[in-house]
Amino acid sequence: MKKAIAVIFSLLLAQAALADEVKAMLGIHSSKYLFSSEITSLNRQQKSGLDIGLGYALAINPKMMLEAQVVFNKKGAKTELPYAPGKTASGTYSNRAISLPLFFSYRFTEGASPYAALGPEFSFILAHKLTIPEYDESFDIIDSTNKFIVAFNVALGYAFPLDQWGLFAEIRYNRGLSDLLKGPGPSVKCESVSFMLGGIYRP
């Protein structure tokens, strides 16, 4: 896993030298887990977290771009875990991942412009834990977790060019397509909404 991540980072850094735009971004998100069966407590309880990333984009024409990003994030869900009839304990699932979103984006005008983007995302899960603060307990569940996850992104944003530099703001919806947990039982997928702010440099 570590070797694969190192190779991907090396390829992205090599391609960044050819980019028409280089981006740095910071965001906040709200995430939750979606279960395929009637495990409803996790479906409704959101967990907030941070996104930190770098990206580069290649221009197809003045309005259309292909973009690759590397984003570090920590997603999960809050839940109430039953341990006796009528009694529950609050718990938090959290997973740390390095994600590789790929976007096709379209800017509606040249210069300062709203834009729309969509594309797949490939995530490498680095850690996955269940924490129960009430009992000061933490359980490592990475061995029960699929470490490679495919997802899909849709984004709406606005870009502000400032000569060679620029700023952007973006709302991004992410939906996991792969099962987060291994083995039999209900499938578990992650869903999140992010608000991203960042800077743009045009070499």
C-alpha atoms as a PDB file:
ATOM      1  CA  MET A   1       0.000   0.000   0.000  1.00  0.00           C
ATOM      2  CA  LYS A   2       2.712   2.506   0.975  1.00  0.00           C
ATOM      3  CA  LYS A   3       4.688   1.679  -2.170  1.00  0.00           C
ATOM      4  CA  ALA A   4       1.616   2.242  -4.376  1.00  0.00           C
ATOM      5  CA  ILE A   5       0.930   5.606  -2.729  1.00  0.00           C
ATOM      6  CA  ALA A   6       4.566   6.668  -3.193  1.00  0.00           C
ATOM      7  CA  VAL A   7       4.429   5.768  -6.910  1.00  0.00           C
ATOM      8  CA  ILE A   8       1.203   7.733  -7.390  1.00  0.00           C
ATOM      9  CA  PHE A   9       2.676  10.782  -5.635  1.00  0.00           C
ATOM     10  CA  SER A  10       5.778  10.598  -7.842  1.00  0.00           C
ATOM     11  CA  LEU A  11       3.675  10.471 -11.016  1.00  0.00           C
ATOM     12  CA  LEU A  12       1.551  13.410  -9.898  1.00  0.00           C
ATOM     13  CA  LEU A  13       4.598  15.499  -9.046  1.00  0.00           C
ATOM     14  CA  ALA A  14       6.126  14.736 -12.444  1.00  0.00           C
ATOM     15  CA  GLN A  15       2.929  15.792 -14.223  1.00  0.00           C
ATOM     16  CA  ALA A  16       2.602  18.963 -12.138  1.00  0.00           C
ATOM     17  CA  ALA A  17       5.507  20.470 -14.070  1.00  0.00           C
ATOM     18  CA  LEU A  18       3.334  20.368 -17.221  1.00  0.00           C
ATOM     19  CA  ALA A  19       0.232  21.833 -15.553  1.00  0.00           C
ATOM     20  CA  ASP A  20      -1.562  24.951 -16.723  1.00  0.00           C
ATOM     21  CA  GLU A  21      -2.800  25.486 -13.153  1.00  0.00           C
ATOM     22  CA  VAL A  22      -1.501  24.334  -9.773  1.00  0.00           C
ATOM     23  CA  LYS A  23      -3.901  24.440  -6.808  1.00  0.00           C
ATOM     24  CA  ALA A  24      -3.644  24.320  -3.022  1.00  0.00           C
ATOM     25  CA  MET A  25      -6.862  23.807  -1.064  1.00  0.00           C
ATOM     26  CA  LEU A  26      -8.292  23.563   2.432  1.00  0.00           C
ATOM     27  CA  GLY A  27     -11.841  22.542   3.242  1.00  0.00           C
ATOM     28  CA  ILE A  28     -14.322  21.297   5.811  1.00  0.00           C
ATOM     29  CA  HIS A  29     -16.762  18.453   5.255  1.00  0.00           C
ATOM     30  CA  SER A  30     -19.671  16.663   6.829  1.00  0.00           C
ATOM     31  CA  SER A  31     -19.682  12.892   6.304  1.00  0.00           C
ATOM     32  CA  LYS A  32     -21.857   9.919   7.194  1.00  0.00           C
ATOM     33  CA  TYR A  33     -21.990   6.159   6.626  1.00  0.00           C
ATOM     34  CA  LEU A  34     -24.779   4.601   4.573  1.00  0.00           C
ATOM     35  CA  PHE A  35     -25.804   1.028   5.372  1.00  0.00           C
ATOM     36  CA  SER A  36     -27.679  -1.257   2.998  1.00  0.00           C
ATOM     37  CA  SER A  37     -29.928  -2.741   5.716  1.00  0.00           C
ATOM     38  CA  GLU A  38     -31.900  -1.355   8.662  1.00  0.00           C
ATOM     39  CA  ILE A  39     -28.992   0.032  10.660  1.00  0.00           C
ATOM     40  CA  THR A  40     -30.402   3.514  10.748  1.00  0.00           C
ATOM     41  CA  SER A  41     -28.526   5.224  13.588  1.00  0.00           C
ATOM     42  CA  LEU A  42     -25.421   5.737  11.431  1.00  0.00           C
ATOM     43  CA  ASN A  43     -27.430   6.959   8.458  1.00  0.00           C
ATOM     44  CA  ARG A  44     -28.561  10.119  10.232  1.00  0.00           C
ATOM     45  CA  GLN A  45     -25.555  11.252  12.266  1.00  0.00           C
ATOM     46  CA  GLN A  46     -22.979  13.434  10.573  1.00  0.00           C
ATOM     47  CA  LYS A  47     -19.296  13.812  11.447  1.00  0.00           C
ATOM     48  CA  SER A  48     -17.286  16.893  10.484  1.00  0.00           C
ATOM     49  CA  GLY A  49     -13.662  16.899   9.338  1.00  0.00           C
ATOM     50  CA  LEU A  50     -10.963  18.639   7.314  1.00  0.00           C
ATOM     51  CA  ASP A  51      -9.721  18.279   3.730  1.00  0.00           C
ATOM     52  CA  ILE A  52      -6.198  19.358   2.748  1.00  0.00           C
ATOM     53  CA  GLY A  53      -5.022  18.955  -0.834  1.00  0.00           C
ATOM     54  CA  LEU A  54      -2.970  19.857  -3.871  1.00  0.00           C
ATOM     55  CA  GLY A  55      -3.986  19.633  -7.511  1.00  0.00           C
ATOM     56  CA  TYR A  56      -3.001  20.444 -11.052  1.00  0.00           C
ATOM     57  CA  ALA A  57      -5.096  21.076 -14.148  1.00  0.00           C
ATOM     58  CA  LEU A  58      -4.475  20.824 -17.886  1.00  0.00           C
ATOM     59  CA  ALA A  59      -6.463  23.131 -20.169  1.00  0.00           C
ATOM     60  CA  ILE A  60      -8.377  21.511 -23.030  1.00  0.00           C
ATOM     61  CA  ASN A  61      -9.585  24.919 -24.189  1.00  0.00           C
ATOM     62  CA  PRO A  62     -10.224  28.259 -22.383  1.00  0.00           C
ATOM     63  CA  LYS A  63     -13.331  26.856 -20.665  1.00  0.00           C
ATOM     64  CA  MET A  64     -12.629  23.141 -20.205  1.00  0.00           C
ATOM     65  CA  MET A  65      -9.981  21.494 -18.002  1.00  0.00           C
ATOM     66  CA  LEU A  66      -8.839  18.094 -16.778  1.00  0.00           C
ATOM     67  CA  GLU A  67      -7.709  18.133 -13.157  1.00  0.00           C
ATOM     68  CA  ALA A  68      -6.017  15.669 -10.787  1.00  0.00           C
ATOM     69  CA  GLN A  69      -5.796  16.201  -7.026  1.00  0.00           C
ATOM     70  CA  VAL A  70      -4.271  14.614  -3.940  1.00  0.00           C
ATOM     71  CA  VAL A  71      -6.420  15.178  -0.842  1.00  0.00           C
ATOM     72  CA  PHE A  72      -5.882  14.044   2.745  1.00  0.00           C
ATOM     73  CA  ASN A  73      -9.109  13.691   4.720  1.00  0.00           C
ATOM     74  CA  LYS A  74     -10.608  12.147   7.840  1.00  0.00           C
ATOM     75  CA  LYS A  75     -14.207  11.006   7.403  1.00  0.00           C
ATOM     76  CA  GLY A  76     -16.607   8.886   9.430  1.00  0.00           C
ATOM     77  CA  ALA A  77     -19.910   8.914  11.283  1.00  0.00           C
ATOM     78  CA  LYS A  78     -21.348   9.337  14.761  1.00  0.00           C
ATOM     79  CA  THR A  79     -23.659   6.678  16.183  1.00  0.00           C
ATOM     80  CA  GLU A  80     -25.432   5.327  19.225  1.00  0.00           C
ATOM     81  CA  LEU A  81     -24.392   1.733  20.019  1.00  0.00           C
ATOM     82  CA  PRO A  82     -26.876  -0.455  21.973  1.00  0.00           C
ATOM     83  CA  TYR A  83     -25.281  -2.450  24.820  1.00  0.00           C
ATOM     84  CA  ALA A  84     -28.354  -3.340  26.935  1.00  0.00           C
ATOM     85  CA  PRO A  85     -32.146  -3.163  26.505  1.00  0.00           C
ATOM     86  CA  GLY A  86     -33.019   0.516  26.205  1.00  0.00           C
ATOM     87  CA  LYS A  87     -29.415   1.668  26.750  1.00  0.00           C
ATOM     88  CA  THR A  88     -26.900   3.040  24.235  1.00  0.00           C
ATOM     89  CA  ALA A  89     -23.404   4.537  24.215  1.00  0.00           C
ATOM     90  CA  SER A  90     -22.240   7.259  21.846  1.00  0.00           C
ATOM     91  CA  GLY A  91     -19.548   6.193  19.404  1.00  0.00           C
ATOM     92  CA  THR A  92     -17.607   7.693  16.523  1.00  0.00           C
ATOM     93  CA  TYR A  93     -16.286   5.925  13.441  1.00  0.00           C
ATOM     94  CA  SER A  94     -13.368   7.704  11.766  1.00  0.00           C
ATOM     95  CA  ASN A  95     -11.228   6.755   8.782  1.00  0.00           C
ATOM     96  CA  ARG A  96      -8.145   8.561   7.486  1.00  0.00           C
ATOM     97  CA  ALA A  97      -7.468   8.392   3.769  1.00  0.00           C
ATOM     98  CA  ILE A  98      -5.451   9.797   0.910  1.00  0.00           C
ATOM     99  CA  SER A  99      -7.828  10.419  -1.985  1.00  0.00           C
ATOM    100  CA  LEU A 100      -7.091  11.004  -5.664  1.00  0.00           C
ATOM    101  CA  PRO A 101     -10.008  12.868  -7.278  1.00  0.00           C
ATOM    102  CA  LEU A 102      -9.980  13.271 -11.066  1.00  0.00           C
ATOM    103  CA  PHE A 103     -12.179  16.030 -12.500  1.00  0.00           C
ATOM    104  CA  PHE A 104     -13.484  17.193 -15.836  1.00  0.00           C
ATOM    105  CA  SER A 105     -14.426  20.843 -15.247  1.00  0.00           C
ATOM    106  CA  TYR A 106     -16.235  23.425 -17.332  1.00  0.00           C
ATOM    107  CA  ARG A 107     -16.065  27.184 -16.743  1.00  0.00           C
ATOM    108  CA  PHE A 108     -19.087  29.015 -18.054  1.00  0.00           C
ATOM    109  CA  THR A 109     -17.174  32.146 -19.097  1.00  0.00           C
ATOM    110  CA  GLU A 110     -13.534  33.114 -19.503  1.00  0.00           C
ATOM    111  CA  GLY A 111     -11.960  35.023 -16.616  1.00  0.00           C
ATOM    112  CA  ALA A 112     -13.859  35.125 -13.310  1.00  0.00           C
ATOM    113  CA  SER A 113     -16.473  32.425 -13.697  1.00  0.00           C
ATOM    114  CA  PRO A 114     -18.704  29.840 -12.040  1.00  0.00           C
ATOM    115  CA  TYR A 115     -17.735  26.281 -12.951  1.00  0.00           C
ATOM    116  CA  ALA A 116     -19.055  22.741 -12.676  1.00  0.00           C
ATOM    117  CA  ALA A 117     -16.933  19.602 -12.334  1.00  0.00           C
ATOM    118  CA  LEU A 118     -17.396  15.860 -11.992  1.00  0.00           C
ATOM    119  CA  GLY A 119     -15.333  12.714 -12.000  1.00  0.00           C
ATOM    120  CA  PRO A 120     -14.171   9.583 -10.144  1.00  0.00           C
ATOM    121  CA  GLU A 121     -12.140   9.407  -6.952  1.00  0.00           C
ATOM    122  CA  PHE A 122      -9.776   6.676  -5.758  1.00  0.00           C
ATOM    123  CA  SER A 123      -9.071   6.520  -2.008  1.00  0.00           C
ATOM    124  CA  PHE A 124      -6.481   4.617   0.019  1.00  0.00           C
ATOM    125  CA  ILE A 125      -7.699   4.044   3.589  1.00  0.00           C
ATOM    126  CA  LEU A 126      -4.813   4.507   6.040  1.00  0.00           C
ATOM    127  CA  ALA A 127      -6.639   3.986   9.353  1.00  0.00           C
ATOM    128  CA  HIS A 128     -10.151   3.164  10.591  1.00  0.00           C
ATOM    129  CA  LYS A 129     -11.252   3.281  14.246  1.00  0.00           C
ATOM    130  CA  LEU A 130     -14.349   3.115  16.411  1.00  0.00           C
ATOM    131  CA  THR A 131     -14.094   5.296  19.529  1.00  0.00           C
ATOM    132  CA  ILE A 132     -16.459   5.209  22.518  1.00  0.00           C
ATOM    133  CA  PRO A 133     -15.589   8.307  24.613  1.00  0.00           C
ATOM    134  CA  GLU A 134     -17.943   7.412  27.489  1.00  0.00           C
ATOM    135  CA  TYR A 135     -15.845   4.345  28.299  1.00  0.00           C
ATOM    136  CA  ASP A 136     -12.531   5.745  27.011  1.00  0.00           C
ATOM    137  CA  GLU A 137     -12.332   2.872  24.511  1.00  0.00           C
ATOM    138  CA  SER A 138     -10.939   2.834  20.970  1.00  0.00           C
ATOM    139  CA  PHE A 139     -11.052  -0.142  18.590  1.00  0.00           C
ATOM    140  CA  ASP A 140      -8.825  -0.484  15.526  1.00  0.00           C
ATOM    141  CA  ILE A 141     -10.973  -1.925  12.699  1.00  0.00           C
ATOM    142  CA  ILE A 142      -8.562  -1.424   9.789  1.00  0.00           C
ATOM    143  CA  ASP A 143      -8.258  -5.206   9.300  1.00  0.00           C
ATOM    144  CA  SER A 144     -12.012  -5.338   8.604  1.00  0.00           C
ATOM    145  CA  THR A 145     -11.808  -2.409   6.172  1.00  0.00           C
ATOM    146  CA  ASN A 146     -11.332  -2.452   2.418  1.00  0.00           C
ATOM    147  CA  LYS A 147      -8.289  -0.257   1.888  1.00  0.00           C
ATOM    148  CA  PHE A 148      -9.080   0.806  -1.697  1.00  0.00           C
ATOM    149  CA  ILE A 149     -12.332   2.693  -2.256  1.00  0.00           C
ATOM    150  CA  VAL A 150     -13.846   4.074  -5.457  1.00  0.00           C
ATOM    151  CA  ALA A 151     -16.135   7.113  -5.223  1.00  0.00           C
ATOM    152  CA  PHE A 152     -17.683   9.780  -7.433  1.00  0.00           C
ATOM    153  CA  ASN A 153     -17.563  13.585  -7.067  1.00  0.00           C
ATOM    154  CA  VAL A 154     -19.782  16.414  -8.304  1.00  0.00           C
ATOM    155  CA  ALA A 155     -18.685  20.003  -7.640  1.00  0.00           C
ATOM    156  CA  LEU A 156     -19.887  23.566  -8.181  1.00  0.00           C
ATOM    157  CA  GLY A 157     -17.557  26.501  -7.666  1.00  0.00           C
ATOM    158  CA  TYR A 158     -16.382  29.961  -8.594  1.00  0.00           C
ATOM    159  CA  ALA A 159     -12.876  30.919  -9.763  1.00  0.00           C
ATOM    160  CA  PHE A 160     -11.361  34.413  -9.377  1.00  0.00           C
ATOM    161  CA  PRO A 161      -8.296  35.027 -11.567  1.00  0.00           C
ATOM    162  CA  LEU A 162      -5.717  37.522 -10.269  1.00  0.00           C
ATOM    163  CA  ASP A 163      -3.170  37.754 -13.095  1.00  0.00           C
ATOM    164  CA  GLN A 164      -0.837  34.774 -12.610  1.00  0.00           C
ATOM    165  CA  TRP A 165      -2.600  33.852  -9.370  1.00  0.00           C
ATOM    166  CA  GLY A 166      -6.205  33.174  -8.449  1.00  0.00           C
ATOM    167  CA  LEU A 167      -8.675  32.071  -5.801  1.00  0.00           C
ATOM    168  CA  PHE A 168     -11.543  29.599  -5.866  1.00  0.00           C
ATOM    169  CA  ALA A 169     -14.431  28.486  -3.650  1.00  0.00           C
ATOM    170  CA  GLU A 170     -16.228  25.189  -4.184  1.00  0.00           C
ATOM    171  CA  ILE A 171     -18.969  22.940  -2.834  1.00  0.00           C
ATOM    172  CA  ARG A 172     -18.283  19.254  -3.467  1.00  0.00           C
ATOM    173  CA  TYR A 173     -20.522  16.191  -3.071  1.00  0.00           C
ATOM    174  CA  ASN A 174     -18.784  12.814  -2.684  1.00  0.00           C
ATOM    175  CA  ARG A 175     -20.503   9.417  -2.841  1.00  0.00           C
ATOM    176  CA  GLY A 176     -18.674   6.178  -2.176  1.00  0.00           C
ATOM    177  CA  LEU A 177     -19.295   3.367  -4.665  1.00  0.00           C
ATOM    178  CA  SER A 178     -17.252   0.658  -2.892  1.00  0.00           C
ATOM    179  CA  ASP A 179     -18.089  -1.225   0.290  1.00  0.00           C
ATOM    180  CA  LEU A 180     -16.047   0.191   3.171  1.00  0.00           C
ATOM    181  CA  LEU A 181     -16.119  -3.007   5.266  1.00  0.00           C
ATOM    182  CA  LYS A 182     -15.043  -6.540   4.371  1.00  0.00           C
ATOM    183  CA  GLY A 183     -16.972  -9.741   4.800  1.00  0.00           C
ATOM    184  CA  PRO A 184     -20.669 -10.639   5.031  1.00  0.00           C
ATOM    185  CA  GLY A 185     -23.295  -8.336   6.444  1.00  0.00           C
ATOM    186  CA  PRO A 186     -24.734  -5.027   5.256  1.00  0.00           C
ATOM    187  CA  SER A 187     -22.661  -2.969   2.864  1.00  0.00           C
ATOM    188  CA  VAL A 188     -21.271   0.316   4.228  1.00  0.00           C
ATOM    189  CA  LYS A 189     -20.567   3.319   2.012  1.00  0.00           C
ATOM    190  CA  CYS A 190     -19.487   6.851   2.817  1.00  0.00           C
ATOM    191  CA  GLU A 191     -21.145  10.080   1.725  1.00  0.00           C
ATOM    192  CA  SER A 192     -19.890  13.629   2.331  1.00  0.00           C
ATOM    193  CA  VAL A 193     -20.405  17.268   1.408  1.00  0.00           C
ATOM    194  CA  SER A 194     -17.353  19.567   1.442  1.00  0.00           C
ATOM    195  CA  PHE A 195     -16.783  23.300   1.244  1.00  0.00           C
ATOM    196  CA  MET A 196     -13.358  24.039  -0.251  1.00  0.00           C
ATOM    197  CA  LEU A 197     -11.298  27.249  -0.468  1.00  0.00           C
ATOM    198  CA  GLY A 198      -8.000  27.496  -2.280  1.00  0.00           C
ATOM    199  CA  GLY A 199      -5.413  29.310  -4.291  1.00  0.00           C
ATOM    200  CA  ILE A 200      -4.433  28.907  -7.952  1.00  0.00           C
ATOM    201  CA  TYR A 201      -1.030  29.462  -9.547  1.00  0.00           C
ATOM    202  CA  ARG A 202      -0.572  29.581 -13.313  1.00  0.00           C
ATOM    203  CA  PRO A 203       3.061  28.813 -14.248  1.00  0.00           C
END
